[in-house]
Protein backbone atom coordinates (compact mmCIF):
# COMPACT_ATOMS: atom_id res chain seq x y z
CA UNK A 1 90.81 109.07 118.27
CA UNK A 2 92.80 108.54 114.95
CA UNK A 3 95.21 106.14 114.70
CA UNK A 4 97.33 104.58 112.04
CA UNK A 5 96.10 102.31 109.18
CA UNK A 6 95.80 98.67 110.39
CA UNK A 7 96.98 99.00 114.05
CA UNK A 8 93.50 97.72 114.92
CA UNK A 9 91.88 96.79 112.21
CA UNK A 10 95.02 94.24 111.96
CA UNK A 11 93.18 92.54 114.99
CA UNK A 12 90.04 91.47 113.20
CA UNK A 13 91.53 91.67 109.33
CA UNK A 14 91.24 87.79 108.83
CA UNK A 15 87.67 88.18 109.38
CA UNK A 16 87.10 91.26 107.07
CA UNK A 17 88.79 89.07 104.24
CA UNK A 18 87.31 85.97 105.15
CA UNK A 19 85.62 86.06 101.69
CA UNK A 20 88.92 86.23 99.88
CA UNK A 21 90.23 83.05 98.27
CA UNK A 22 93.86 83.58 98.83
CA UNK A 23 94.57 79.84 97.01
CA UNK A 24 92.97 81.25 93.95
CA UNK A 25 94.88 84.41 93.93
CA UNK A 26 97.80 82.85 95.01
CA UNK A 27 97.96 80.38 92.18
CA UNK A 28 96.79 82.77 89.65
CA UNK A 29 100.42 84.48 91.05
CA UNK A 30 102.20 81.18 90.54
CA UNK A 31 100.84 80.88 87.05
CA UNK A 32 102.03 84.22 86.29
CA UNK A 33 105.63 83.66 87.83
CA UNK A 34 105.82 80.49 85.59
CA UNK A 35 104.68 82.05 82.59
CA UNK A 36 107.85 84.75 82.84
CA UNK A 37 109.84 81.60 82.97
CA UNK A 38 111.95 82.44 86.25
CA UNK A 39 113.06 79.07 87.76
CA UNK A 40 113.84 78.97 91.63
CA UNK A 41 113.02 82.47 92.09
CA UNK A 42 113.99 84.89 94.80
CA UNK A 43 110.45 86.79 95.95
CA UNK A 44 110.15 89.64 97.99
CA UNK A 45 106.49 90.17 99.43
CA UNK A 46 105.55 94.14 99.57
CA UNK A 47 102.43 94.71 101.77
CA UNK A 48 102.16 90.89 103.03
CA UNK A 49 99.26 91.67 105.44
CA UNK A 50 98.89 88.78 107.96
CA UNK A 51 101.03 86.55 105.32
CA UNK A 52 97.94 84.59 103.89
CA UNK A 53 99.35 84.89 100.27
CA UNK A 54 102.47 83.68 101.01
CA UNK A 55 101.64 80.45 102.70
CA UNK A 56 99.85 79.52 99.11
CA UNK A 57 103.15 80.89 97.74
CA UNK A 58 105.43 79.15 100.16
CA UNK A 59 104.29 76.04 98.82
CA UNK A 60 105.87 76.18 95.52
CA UNK A 61 108.60 79.00 96.36
CA UNK A 62 111.25 78.37 98.94
CA UNK A 63 113.17 81.68 98.68
CA UNK A 64 110.28 84.64 99.92
CA UNK A 65 110.64 87.50 102.31
CA UNK A 66 107.70 89.01 103.50
CA UNK A 67 107.06 92.57 104.45
CA UNK A 68 104.61 95.33 105.64
CA UNK A 69 104.44 99.19 106.64
CA UNK A 70 102.32 97.83 109.87
CA UNK A 71 104.22 96.12 112.76
CA UNK A 72 100.62 94.93 114.23
CA UNK A 73 100.21 93.02 110.94
CA UNK A 74 103.32 91.17 111.07
CA UNK A 75 102.91 90.37 114.72
CA UNK A 76 99.62 88.72 113.69
CA UNK A 77 101.36 86.78 110.83
CA UNK A 78 99.95 83.52 110.05
CA UNK A 79 103.00 82.23 108.10
CA UNK A 80 105.45 81.83 110.98
CA UNK A 81 108.07 79.77 108.92
CA UNK A 82 108.67 82.95 106.24
CA UNK A 83 110.82 85.37 107.06
CA UNK A 84 109.24 89.04 107.61
CA UNK A 85 110.49 92.97 107.73
CA UNK A 86 108.54 95.48 108.39
CA UNK A 87 109.57 98.86 106.17
CA UNK A 88 107.70 101.60 104.24
CA UNK A 89 107.56 100.26 100.51
CA UNK A 90 108.40 103.68 99.26
CA UNK A 91 112.09 103.17 100.83
CA UNK A 92 113.04 99.64 100.70
CA UNK A 93 115.90 99.43 103.05
CA UNK A 94 117.26 95.82 101.46
CA UNK A 95 120.85 95.68 99.78
CA UNK A 96 119.73 92.14 98.03
CA UNK A 97 118.36 91.70 94.37
CA UNK A 98 115.28 89.92 94.18
CA UNK A 99 114.36 88.18 91.01
CA UNK A 100 110.66 88.72 91.72
CA UNK A 101 108.83 91.66 93.76
CA UNK A 102 105.26 91.36 94.13
CA UNK A 103 102.41 93.90 95.93
CA UNK A 104 98.82 92.67 95.97
CA UNK A 105 95.38 93.42 96.87
CA UNK A 106 95.68 97.02 95.71
CA UNK A 107 98.20 98.05 98.54
CA UNK A 108 99.76 100.28 95.73
CA UNK A 109 96.54 102.52 95.81
CA UNK A 110 97.86 103.28 99.38
CA UNK A 111 100.62 105.48 97.90
CA UNK A 112 98.48 108.80 97.41
CA UNK A 113 100.34 111.02 95.38
CA UNK A 114 102.05 110.46 92.05
CA UNK A 115 105.28 111.50 93.91
CA UNK A 116 105.16 108.71 95.93
CA UNK A 117 104.09 106.34 93.52
CA UNK A 118 107.44 106.98 91.53
CA UNK A 119 109.33 106.97 94.68
CA UNK A 120 107.79 103.76 95.17
CA UNK A 121 108.63 102.20 91.89
CA UNK A 122 112.48 103.65 92.07
CA UNK A 123 112.80 101.75 95.33
CA UNK A 124 111.61 98.73 93.91
CA UNK A 125 114.03 99.05 90.81
CA UNK A 126 116.98 99.53 93.26
CA UNK A 127 116.19 95.90 94.64
CA UNK A 128 115.04 94.24 91.44
CA UNK A 129 117.97 91.75 89.70
CA UNK A 130 118.10 92.54 85.94
CA UNK A 131 116.14 89.82 84.69
CA UNK A 132 113.23 90.09 87.22
CA UNK A 133 110.06 91.81 87.47
CA UNK A 134 107.73 93.77 89.54
CA UNK A 135 104.22 92.50 89.65
CA UNK A 136 101.47 94.38 91.37
CA UNK A 137 97.32 94.83 90.96
CA UNK A 138 95.98 98.30 91.40
CA UNK A 139 91.95 98.97 91.94
CA UNK A 140 90.82 101.06 89.09
CA UNK A 141 87.78 103.59 89.44
CA UNK A 142 84.82 101.08 88.10
CA UNK A 143 85.76 99.02 91.21
CA UNK A 144 85.28 101.96 93.52
CA UNK A 145 82.31 102.94 91.92
CA UNK A 146 80.63 99.66 91.49
CA UNK A 147 81.30 98.26 95.26
CA UNK A 148 82.10 101.16 97.45
CA UNK A 149 78.68 100.65 99.14
CA UNK A 150 78.82 97.10 99.77
CA UNK A 151 81.71 98.23 102.27
CA UNK A 152 79.03 99.78 104.37
CA UNK A 153 79.02 96.88 107.22
CA UNK A 154 79.18 96.18 110.55
CA UNK A 155 80.08 93.56 112.79
CA UNK A 156 81.82 91.72 115.83
CA UNK A 157 85.21 89.58 116.17
CA UNK A 158 86.52 88.01 119.15
CA UNK A 159 84.66 90.85 121.20
CA UNK A 160 85.85 93.58 119.00
CA UNK A 161 82.84 95.47 117.40
CA UNK A 162 83.43 97.40 114.06
CA UNK A 163 81.40 99.96 111.76
CA UNK A 164 83.06 100.57 108.35
CA UNK A 165 81.74 103.01 106.09
CA UNK A 166 83.37 103.11 102.64
CA UNK A 167 83.06 106.06 99.87
CA UNK A 168 84.52 106.96 96.98
CA UNK A 169 85.02 111.30 96.15
CA UNK A 170 85.11 110.69 92.16
CA UNK A 171 86.60 114.27 91.88
CA UNK A 172 89.68 113.66 94.08
CA UNK A 173 90.08 110.05 92.88
CA UNK A 174 90.28 109.24 96.40
CA UNK A 175 88.25 105.91 97.89
CA UNK A 176 88.11 106.25 101.79
CA UNK A 177 87.26 103.16 104.15
CA UNK A 178 86.43 104.56 107.93
CA UNK A 179 86.46 102.24 110.56
CA UNK A 180 84.82 102.65 113.79
CA UNK A 181 86.15 100.29 116.26
CA UNK A 182 85.18 99.70 119.78
CA UNK A 183 87.71 97.17 121.65
CA UNK A 184 86.77 94.58 124.23
CA UNK A 185 87.59 97.15 127.32
CA UNK A 186 85.15 99.60 125.90
CA UNK A 187 87.68 101.85 124.28
CA UNK A 188 86.70 103.40 121.03
CA UNK A 189 89.28 103.87 118.33
CA UNK A 190 88.89 105.22 114.57
CA UNK A 191 90.90 104.29 111.71
CA UNK A 192 90.66 106.07 108.56
CA UNK A 193 92.38 104.20 105.38
CA UNK A 194 92.34 106.19 102.06
CA UNK A 195 93.50 105.07 98.90
CA UNK A 196 94.36 107.07 94.95
CA UNK A 197 92.65 105.53 92.30
CA UNK A 198 95.15 106.15 89.86
CA UNK A 199 94.32 106.40 85.74
CA UNK A 200 96.14 103.37 83.96
CA UNK A 201 98.13 105.92 82.30
CA UNK A 202 99.77 106.81 85.46
CA UNK A 203 101.48 103.60 86.21
CA UNK A 204 102.81 103.57 82.60
CA UNK A 205 104.29 107.03 83.21
CA UNK A 206 105.54 106.61 86.99
CA UNK A 207 107.31 103.39 85.33
CA UNK A 208 109.05 105.34 82.48
CA UNK A 209 110.08 108.23 85.09
CA UNK A 210 111.66 105.30 87.72
CA UNK A 211 113.74 103.36 85.05
CA UNK A 212 110.97 100.54 84.39
CA UNK A 213 108.83 99.59 81.90
CA UNK A 214 105.68 97.97 81.55
CA UNK A 215 105.68 94.67 80.09
CA UNK A 216 102.01 93.78 80.17
CA UNK A 217 99.15 95.16 81.82
CA UNK A 218 96.47 92.01 82.24
CA UNK A 219 93.00 92.33 83.33
CA UNK A 220 93.33 90.92 86.95
CA UNK A 221 93.17 87.24 87.25
CA UNK A 222 93.59 86.78 83.56
CA UNK A 223 96.30 87.09 80.92
CA UNK A 224 93.74 89.05 78.63
CA UNK A 225 94.81 93.18 78.46
CA UNK A 226 93.22 95.31 80.43
CA UNK A 227 90.34 97.16 78.72
CA UNK A 228 87.63 100.02 79.99
CA UNK A 229 85.45 97.57 81.57
CA UNK A 230 88.52 95.99 84.22
CA UNK A 231 87.76 96.93 87.81
CA UNK A 232 91.68 95.40 88.47
CA UNK A 233 94.67 95.71 86.62
CA UNK A 234 97.67 93.25 86.92
CA UNK A 235 100.86 95.03 85.84
CA UNK A 236 104.11 93.72 85.02
CA UNK A 237 106.65 95.90 85.29
CA UNK A 238 111.00 95.25 84.42
CA UNK A 239 113.77 97.30 84.33
CA UNK A 240 114.65 99.17 81.14
CA UNK A 241 118.59 98.92 81.63
């Protein structure tokens, strides 16, 4: 039986991500925001997951709204003090403008076509203040080539058993993670997570088509320019009007 991504993985997502240091990731984003010079920003986080990153950011910034396309992830949210909304990042329904829109952990790679990427960026532009910016990280091909096999694993968390199989189709540029899950009641579930691995140039082109421009493109977790050895890129986009 196939299900939407994160419907059941949400139940043990914290276990899968236990090696991720959200404090380091959050401090990098805080440095980036302060480097841009926006004081007391209003922030919209897309694809917030369980809200671990917002726990770090909310210590420095008060005006944060979190969102995710997965209701199951939001129902298991860690940060109960931060407002959260369920919606598709390709169609942001909020009328409010934000100084900063951010998306992390290669969530943008879940947009599987270039058309979806442009639609998403246009939606971001519509809720971005004139002096604001959108920052996101994208997983690059080197990351998939080097580490896809490391994600072949199995485990158990709170009586939920799972097996994860990861593989990268270098021709179609699709990275797939298949989860075979056995729930405590013995029910078997399968979730397939697919990500599109775009070349760097695609983000520049999509930004231009969306009324945005790429101000910076860093090697993720640094302020150095992205390069051929980069596994992940951190983008800063602004409105071009």
